[in-house]
Protein backbone atom coordinates (compact mmCIF):
# COMPACT_ATOMS: atom_id res chain seq x y z
CA MET A 1 100.87 39.37 110.96
CA GLY A 2 98.92 38.83 114.20
CA ALA A 3 95.37 39.89 114.93
CA LYS A 4 94.65 43.53 115.70
CA LYS A 5 94.44 43.94 119.48
CA PHE A 6 92.14 46.46 121.09
CA ASN A 7 92.37 47.76 124.65
CA GLU A 8 89.38 50.05 125.17
CA TYR A 9 90.77 51.49 128.40
CA GLU A 10 93.67 53.10 126.53
CA TYR A 11 91.11 55.46 124.99
CA LYS A 12 88.63 55.97 127.83
CA ASN A 13 88.79 58.60 130.54
CA ASN A 14 89.47 56.50 133.64
CA ASN A 15 90.65 59.40 135.81
CA GLN A 16 87.22 60.93 136.36
CA ARG A 17 83.72 59.76 137.15
CA ILE A 18 80.38 61.53 136.87
CA ARG A 19 77.88 61.71 139.71
CA VAL A 20 74.29 62.41 138.69
CA ARG A 21 71.61 63.34 141.18
CA PHE A 22 68.04 62.55 140.16
CA LEU A 23 65.13 64.36 141.81
CA ARG A 24 61.50 63.27 141.60
CA ASN A 25 59.39 66.33 140.85
CA SER A 26 56.19 64.81 142.20
CA GLU A 27 54.73 64.40 145.68
CA GLU A 28 53.39 60.97 144.77
CA ARG A 29 55.34 58.30 146.65
CA LEU A 30 57.08 55.36 144.99
CA ASN A 31 57.39 51.97 146.64
CA PRO A 32 60.88 50.39 146.98
CA TRP A 33 60.29 48.11 143.97
CA GLU A 34 59.45 51.09 141.73
CA ILE A 35 62.58 52.95 142.83
CA THR A 36 64.73 49.85 142.24
CA ASN A 37 63.16 49.43 138.81
CA PHE A 38 63.86 53.08 137.93
CA VAL A 39 67.54 52.85 138.94
CA SER A 40 67.89 49.52 137.09
CA ARG A 41 66.49 50.96 133.85
CA VAL A 42 68.64 54.09 134.10
CA SER A 43 71.70 51.87 134.64
CA THR A 44 70.73 49.82 131.59
CA TYR A 45 70.77 52.88 129.34
CA MET A 46 74.04 54.11 130.87
CA TYR A 47 75.64 50.74 130.13
CA LYS A 48 74.30 50.63 126.57
CA ILE A 49 75.46 54.13 125.66
CA GLU A 50 78.98 53.19 126.75
CA MET A 51 78.73 49.90 124.86
CA LEU A 52 77.70 51.65 121.62
CA ASN A 53 80.56 54.15 121.82
CA THR A 54 82.99 51.32 122.65
CA ILE A 55 81.86 49.31 119.59
CA ALA A 56 82.39 52.39 117.42
CA LEU A 57 85.75 53.01 119.09
CA ALA A 58 86.85 49.44 118.30
CA ILE A 59 85.88 49.86 114.64
CA ASN A 60 87.69 53.22 114.49
CA GLN A 61 90.80 51.45 115.82
CA GLY A 62 90.76 48.88 113.03
CA ILE A 63 88.76 45.96 114.47
CA GLU A 64 86.88 44.22 111.66
CA LYS A 65 83.12 44.35 112.03
CA LYS A 66 82.79 40.63 111.30
CA ASN A 67 84.83 39.93 114.45
CA ILE A 68 82.52 41.95 116.74
CA PHE A 69 79.66 39.95 118.22
CA VAL A 70 76.88 40.11 120.80
CA LEU A 71 75.59 37.13 122.78
CA ASP A 72 71.87 36.54 122.25
CA ARG A 73 71.04 36.62 125.96
CA ALA A 74 71.84 39.18 128.67
CA TYR A 75 74.26 38.63 131.52
CA LYS A 76 72.61 38.11 134.92
CA LEU A 77 72.95 40.73 137.63
CA ASN A 78 73.73 38.06 140.22
CA GLY A 79 76.07 36.04 137.98
CA ASN A 80 79.73 35.34 138.73
CA TYR A 81 81.75 36.84 135.88
CA LYS A 82 85.16 37.03 137.51
CA ASP A 83 87.98 36.74 134.92
CA PHE A 84 85.40 37.10 132.15
CA SER A 85 87.15 39.83 130.15
CA GLU A 86 89.06 37.31 128.01
CA ILE A 87 87.78 33.82 127.23
CA ASP A 88 90.06 31.14 125.79
CA LEU A 89 87.74 28.93 123.75
CA ASN A 90 90.28 26.09 123.83
CA THR A 91 89.70 25.67 127.57
CA LEU A 92 86.73 24.91 129.81
CA ALA A 93 86.16 28.68 129.90
CA ILE A 94 84.13 28.21 126.71
CA ASN A 95 81.34 27.06 129.03
CA ARG A 96 81.14 30.53 130.55
CA VAL A 97 80.12 31.92 127.17
CA TYR A 98 77.78 28.98 126.53
CA ALA A 99 76.03 29.69 129.84
CA ILE A 100 75.05 33.19 128.63
CA GLY A 101 74.21 32.70 124.97
CA LYS A 102 75.15 32.22 121.34
CA PRO A 103 77.33 34.74 119.45
CA VAL A 104 75.71 36.91 116.76
CA SER A 105 78.25 38.81 114.67
CA MET A 106 77.98 42.36 113.32
CA GLU A 107 78.73 41.07 109.84
CA PRO A 108 78.69 37.41 108.68
CA ASN A 109 81.61 35.40 110.09
CA GLN A 110 81.64 31.68 109.40
CA ASP A 111 83.63 30.85 112.55
CA LEU A 112 81.09 32.61 114.74
CA VAL A 113 78.15 31.11 112.83
CA GLU A 114 79.62 27.64 113.45
CA ILE A 115 80.09 28.37 117.17
CA LYS A 116 76.53 29.71 117.31
CA TYR A 117 75.07 26.55 115.76
CA LEU A 118 77.38 24.32 117.79
CA PHE A 119 75.97 25.91 120.95
CA GLU A 120 72.43 25.62 119.64
CA SER A 121 72.85 21.88 118.96
CA LEU A 122 74.31 21.41 122.46
CA TYR A 123 71.35 23.28 124.00
CA ARG A 124 68.86 21.16 122.06
CA VAL A 125 70.53 17.82 122.78
CA ASN A 126 70.97 18.62 126.47
CA LYS A 127 67.26 19.44 126.72
CA ILE A 128 66.29 16.12 125.12
CA LEU A 129 68.72 14.12 127.26
CA TYR A 130 67.50 15.65 130.47
CA ARG A 131 63.82 15.45 129.59
CA PHE A 132 63.80 11.77 128.67
CA ALA A 133 66.76 10.29 130.57
CA ARG A 134 67.84 12.81 133.24
CA LYS A 135 71.29 12.82 131.63
CA ARG A 136 73.38 15.84 130.59
CA ILE A 137 76.09 16.95 128.19
CA THR A 138 79.03 17.90 130.44
CA LYS A 139 81.38 20.90 130.35
CA GLU A 140 84.14 18.60 129.10
CA ASP A 141 81.85 17.36 126.30
CA ARG A 142 81.27 20.91 125.10
CA LEU A 143 84.99 21.65 124.99
CA ASP A 144 85.59 18.39 123.10
CA ALA A 145 82.82 19.29 120.63
CA TYR A 146 84.49 22.66 119.98
CA SER A 147 87.85 20.91 119.46
CA VAL A 148 86.26 18.62 116.87
CA LEU A 149 84.69 21.65 115.19
CA LYS A 150 88.08 23.36 114.85
CA GLN A 151 89.91 20.24 113.68
CA LYS A 152 87.35 18.44 111.50
CA GLY A 153 84.54 20.87 110.71
CA PHE A 154 80.90 21.45 111.58
CA SER A 155 79.43 18.16 110.33
CA ALA A 156 81.97 16.16 112.34
CA ALA A 157 81.17 18.22 115.44
CA LEU A 158 77.44 17.47 115.11
CA ASN A 159 78.15 13.76 114.69
CA PHE A 160 80.38 13.90 117.77
CA ILE A 161 77.54 15.42 119.81
CA ILE A 162 75.09 12.76 118.61
CA ASP A 163 77.52 9.93 119.44
CA LYS A 164 78.36 11.46 122.82
CA ALA A 165 74.64 11.74 123.66
CA LYS A 166 73.96 8.11 122.67
CA LYS A 167 76.82 6.84 124.83
CA LYS A 168 75.19 8.41 127.87
CA LEU A 169 72.05 6.31 127.40
CA ASN A 170 71.32 2.72 128.40
CA ASP A 171 69.78 0.35 125.84
CA GLU A 172 66.18 1.22 126.65
CA GLU A 173 66.84 4.94 126.70
CA ARG A 174 68.83 4.76 123.48
CA LEU A 175 65.86 3.24 121.70
CA ASN A 176 63.54 6.08 122.72
CA VAL A 177 65.86 9.09 122.76
CA SER A 178 68.37 8.65 119.92
CA LYS A 179 65.91 9.57 117.19
CA ASN A 180 64.99 12.79 118.99
CA VAL A 181 68.67 13.70 119.36
CA GLU A 182 69.31 13.10 115.66
CA THR A 183 66.23 15.11 114.69
CA GLU A 184 67.31 18.13 116.74
CA CYS A 185 70.82 18.07 115.27
CA SER A 186 69.36 17.74 111.77
CA LYS A 187 67.34 20.92 112.33
CA VAL A 188 70.51 22.80 113.27
CA PHE A 189 72.43 21.34 110.32
CA ARG A 190 69.74 22.58 107.90
CA LYS A 191 70.19 26.09 109.32
CA TYR A 192 73.93 25.80 108.76
CA GLN A 193 73.39 24.65 105.16
CA GLU A 194 71.10 27.63 104.60
CA TYR A 195 73.91 29.89 105.83
CA LEU A 196 76.33 28.33 103.30
CA VAL A 197 73.85 29.02 100.48
CA ASP A 198 73.21 32.57 101.72
CA GLN A 199 76.98 33.28 101.65
CA GLU A 200 76.75 33.71 97.89
CA HIS A 201 74.71 36.89 98.36
CA PHE A 202 76.81 38.63 100.99
CA ASP A 203 79.02 40.68 98.65
CA ASP A 204 76.08 42.03 96.63
CA ILE A 205 74.06 42.82 99.75
CA GLU A 206 76.96 44.61 101.47
CA ALA A 207 77.57 46.75 98.37
CA LYS A 208 73.91 47.85 98.39
CA LEU A 209 73.82 48.40 102.15
CA GLU A 210 76.95 50.55 102.16
CA LYS A 211 75.35 52.83 99.54
CA SER A 212 71.98 52.84 101.37
CA ASN A 213 70.37 51.29 98.30
CA TYR A 214 67.78 49.44 100.38
CA GLU A 215 65.13 49.70 97.67
CA GLU A 216 67.33 47.59 95.40
CA LEU A 217 67.34 44.63 97.82
CA THR A 218 65.39 41.62 96.57
CA GLU A 219 63.08 39.73 98.96
CA LEU A 220 65.79 37.09 99.37
CA GLU A 221 68.40 39.75 100.13
CA LYS A 222 66.08 41.39 102.70
CA ARG A 223 65.81 38.05 104.49
CA VAL A 224 69.60 37.67 104.45
CA GLU A 225 70.07 41.22 105.77
CA LYS A 226 67.62 40.53 108.60
CA ASN A 227 69.32 37.24 109.57
CA TYR A 228 72.99 38.18 109.30
CA TYR A 229 73.26 41.98 109.58
CA LYS A 230 70.33 43.45 111.56
CA LYS A 231 70.21 40.83 114.29
CA PHE A 232 73.30 42.27 116.01
CA TYR A 233 71.73 45.71 116.45
CA GLU A 234 68.38 44.26 117.51
CA HIS A 235 70.05 42.32 120.33
CA ILE A 236 72.01 45.38 121.47
CA PHE A 237 68.79 47.36 121.85
CA ILE A 238 66.40 44.67 123.13
CA LEU A 239 68.65 42.95 125.67
CA PRO A 240 68.87 44.85 128.98
CA ARG A 241 72.54 43.92 129.56
CA PRO A 242 74.05 42.77 126.25
CA VAL A 243 77.45 41.06 126.31
CA VAL A 244 79.58 42.26 123.38
CA GLY A 245 83.02 40.95 122.46
CA ILE A 246 85.72 40.69 119.82
CA TYR A 247 86.61 37.35 118.28
CA ILE A 248 90.39 36.83 118.00
CA LYS A 249 90.59 34.07 115.39
CA GLU A 250 94.33 33.39 115.61
CA GLU A 251 94.12 32.70 119.34
CA SER A 252 90.58 31.24 119.47
CA LYS A 253 89.66 33.82 122.10
CA PHE A 254 86.80 36.14 122.93
CA SER A 255 87.76 39.55 124.31
CA ILE A 256 84.73 40.97 126.13
CA LEU A 257 84.03 44.71 125.93
CA CYS A 258 83.00 46.90 128.89
CA GLY A 259 83.96 44.09 131.25
CA ASP A 260 84.47 46.61 134.04
CA HIS A 261 80.70 46.57 134.52
CA PHE A 262 80.50 42.89 135.49
CA ASP A 263 84.00 41.43 135.90
CA SER A 264 84.98 41.95 139.55
CA ASN A 265 88.69 41.64 138.66
CA ILE A 266 88.59 44.83 136.58
CA ASN A 267 88.52 48.26 138.14
CA LYS A 268 88.72 50.96 135.49
CA ASN A 269 86.28 53.46 137.04
CA THR A 270 83.61 53.00 134.35
CA LYS A 271 81.13 50.77 136.18
CA ILE A 272 77.79 52.09 137.43
CA ASP A 273 77.17 52.47 141.18
CA LEU A 274 74.05 53.49 143.04
CA LYS A 275 75.36 55.78 145.76
CA SER A 276 72.17 56.53 147.64
CA VAL A 277 68.37 56.71 147.53
CA THR A 278 66.30 58.84 149.88
CA HIS A 279 62.69 57.75 150.23
CA ASN A 280 61.53 61.02 151.74
CA SER A 281 59.57 63.45 149.63
CA PRO A 282 60.95 64.48 147.23
CA ILE A 283 62.66 61.19 146.35
CA LYS A 284 66.33 61.55 145.35
CA ALA A 285 68.72 59.04 143.83
CA ILE A 286 72.46 59.47 143.26
CA VAL A 287 74.16 57.36 140.58
CA GLU A 288 77.86 57.39 139.73
CA SER A 289 79.41 56.14 136.50
CA GLY A 290 82.24 56.60 134.04
CA CYS A 291 82.34 59.64 131.77
CA GLN A 292 80.48 57.81 129.00
CA ILE A 293 77.27 58.54 130.94
CA LEU A 294 77.46 62.09 129.60
CA ALA A 295 76.67 60.85 126.09
CA LEU A 296 73.16 59.92 127.25
CA GLY A 297 72.21 63.58 127.03
CA LYS A 298 71.48 64.63 123.47
CA GLU A 299 73.86 67.24 122.06
CA GLU A 300 71.08 69.74 121.27
CA LYS A 301 69.75 69.44 124.84
CA ARG A 302 73.21 70.09 126.30
CA LYS A 303 73.68 73.12 124.04
CA GLU A 304 70.22 74.44 124.92
CA GLU A 305 70.90 74.17 128.67
CA LEU A 306 74.21 76.00 128.24
CA HIS A 307 72.50 78.67 126.12
CA GLU A 308 69.86 79.27 128.83
CA LEU A 309 72.56 79.64 131.49
CA GLU A 310 74.52 82.08 129.34
CA LYS A 311 71.32 84.06 128.72
CA ARG A 312 70.59 84.23 132.47
CA LYS A 313 74.18 85.31 133.08
CA MET A 314 73.76 88.23 130.68
CA GLU A 315 70.51 89.25 132.39
CA LEU A 316 72.24 89.27 135.79
CA GLU A 317 75.20 91.25 134.52
CA ILE A 318 72.80 93.89 133.18
CA ALA A 319 70.90 93.87 136.50
CA LYS A 320 74.17 94.28 138.38
CA LEU A 321 75.05 97.36 136.37
CA GLU A 322 71.57 98.83 136.87
CA LYS A 323 71.75 98.36 140.65
CA GLU A 324 75.22 99.69 141.37
CA ASN A 325 73.83 102.18 143.86
CA LYS A 326 71.74 99.63 145.77
CA LEU A 327 74.45 97.72 147.58
CA MET A 328 72.29 95.01 149.19
CA GLU A 329 70.51 94.07 145.99
CA GLN A 330 73.80 94.27 144.16
CA GLU A 331 75.31 91.73 146.60
CA GLU A 332 72.41 89.33 145.97
CA VAL A 333 72.88 89.63 142.22
CA LYS A 334 76.64 89.21 142.63
CA ASN A 335 76.16 85.99 144.66
CA GLU A 336 73.78 84.55 142.10
CA LEU A 337 76.15 85.57 139.32
CA ASP A 338 79.09 83.85 141.05
CA MET A 339 77.07 80.64 141.42
CA LEU A 340 75.92 80.87 137.83
CA ASN A 341 79.50 81.30 136.59
CA LYS A 342 80.51 78.15 138.48
CA THR A 343 77.54 76.26 137.03
CA ILE A 344 78.38 77.41 133.50
CA GLU A 345 82.02 76.41 133.97
CA LEU A 346 80.96 72.94 135.15
CA LYS A 347 78.44 72.57 132.31
CA MET A 348 81.09 73.56 129.77
CA ARG A 349 83.49 70.96 131.20
CA LEU A 350 80.78 68.29 131.14
CA ASP A 351 79.79 69.22 127.60
CA SER A 352 83.42 69.04 126.50
CA MET A 353 83.80 65.61 128.14
CA ALA A 354 80.59 64.39 126.44
CA GLU A 355 81.89 65.61 123.08
CA THR A 356 85.17 63.77 123.68
CA GLU A 357 83.40 60.47 124.44
CA GLU A 358 81.16 60.78 121.37
CA ASN A 359 83.99 61.92 119.09
CA LEU A 360 86.08 58.89 120.05
CA GLY A 361 83.12 56.66 119.24
CA ILE A 362 80.00 57.15 117.15
CA LYS A 363 80.82 60.58 115.68
CA SER A 364 84.21 59.49 114.35
CA MET A 365 82.88 56.55 112.33
CA ALA A 366 82.91 56.85 108.57
CA SER A 367 79.50 56.81 106.92
CA SER A 368 78.48 53.18 106.46
CA TYR A 369 75.68 50.71 107.09
CA ALA A 370 77.17 49.93 110.52
CA ASN A 371 77.40 53.64 111.38
CA ARG A 372 73.77 54.25 110.42
CA GLN A 373 72.55 51.23 112.40
CA LEU A 374 74.60 52.16 115.47
CA CYS A 375 73.33 55.75 115.31
CA MET A 376 69.77 54.46 115.09
CA VAL A 377 70.24 52.34 118.23
CA TYR A 378 72.12 55.22 119.88
CA ASN A 379 69.14 57.56 119.37
CA LYS A 380 66.74 54.90 120.65
CA VAL A 381 68.84 54.49 123.80
CA GLN A 382 68.90 58.27 124.39
CA ASN A 383 65.13 58.45 123.83
CA GLY A 384 64.56 55.45 126.10
CA TYR A 385 66.56 57.11 128.88
CA ASN A 386 64.58 60.36 128.58
CA GLU A 387 61.31 58.42 128.52
CA VAL A 388 62.23 56.57 131.75
CA LEU A 389 62.90 59.93 133.44
CA LYS A 390 59.61 61.34 132.13
CA THR A 391 57.50 58.30 133.02
CA ASN A 392 58.87 58.14 136.56
CA LYS A 393 58.72 61.95 136.95
CA PHE A 394 62.44 62.33 137.64
CA ILE A 395 64.78 65.05 136.43
CA GLU A 396 68.57 65.28 136.45
CA GLU A 397 68.93 67.73 139.30
CA SER A 398 72.71 68.10 139.10
CA GLU A 399 75.91 66.56 137.78
CA SER A 400 79.36 66.66 139.32
CA ILE A 401 82.83 65.46 138.35
CA ILE A 402 84.65 63.08 140.69
CA ASP A 403 88.44 63.14 140.27
CA MET A 404 89.87 59.64 140.75
CA LYS A 405 93.51 60.74 140.67
CA VAL A 406 95.28 60.20 143.99
């Protein structure tokens, strides 16, 4: 039976986008850099909230947690990531992953650990080669090293890298550099050996983690949890633009999630766009994104806003009845009531859309260690977003729904 395939866009609302208008409720001016920084940080949280719900969605659709990974460095805003949504590791495309970072899996996965340490050894050796001899490991060398890894194992791949590095050196360079190359690869190999020893504890640790029995973890098990379970969530939160993917073992491929945000060949209406910024006082910024943006607002805040609108509506309806004989005032109340009804209708639609996005993702996950960790990061992202608004003295002035159907 083949690997479980996951197409996130089958489950996402691609027919509508959300436009959010931010208003700065302060007369104090911001310079262009501060405005750019504000929009960048808001976009970061928008991207992460979609990423978290997409990870949960993948798990809900049967993707094994050990096959979900994050690269340990962020993608660059000015990078070229065309055709990046699926990476065939058996081709030179493996270098596109290598250029960003090493994979860190959600749960221990030996294949991904070996790729991680293969990349680390290549980074280390390349640094030594260039520092002492102005030589480099090539793209073709990296692909060959991965081929050796798949065919002969990790030790053989390290030996291949060492031999390949030595062949790039002349006699004088070889005398001075070879030892450094061997030392760096030995450091990586010791890490790999530590992983093989730690494997023995995975089953016991996972059983305790699933039951939230953290107090029963030994010091050794706490170290293992930190190295092989928590690292994934730490990278998701710390990195401004984390790259998350699914490892398809049978095909030796990486399928990258939320690729619409950085792969120019994908257009699924989920990416984030800055529509406009006005530098006049008050400063306004308009940002447009996929519907996942709605999940940035906490559920209790959305309900509270709706409650306040409903309360105001009731007050106006009472006022309208009281002023039936005062036609002019009644017309003013009626106009405000009409606008309020439209606002409530929009808020209810937005709230329903937010619920849908969350219910497909985080809220639908069964209780587990992964669910608790994702929820923790989820709350941190929501808090971070609200803190950015507060620090920069912006508020969400309004939201609107953009229909993408032609």
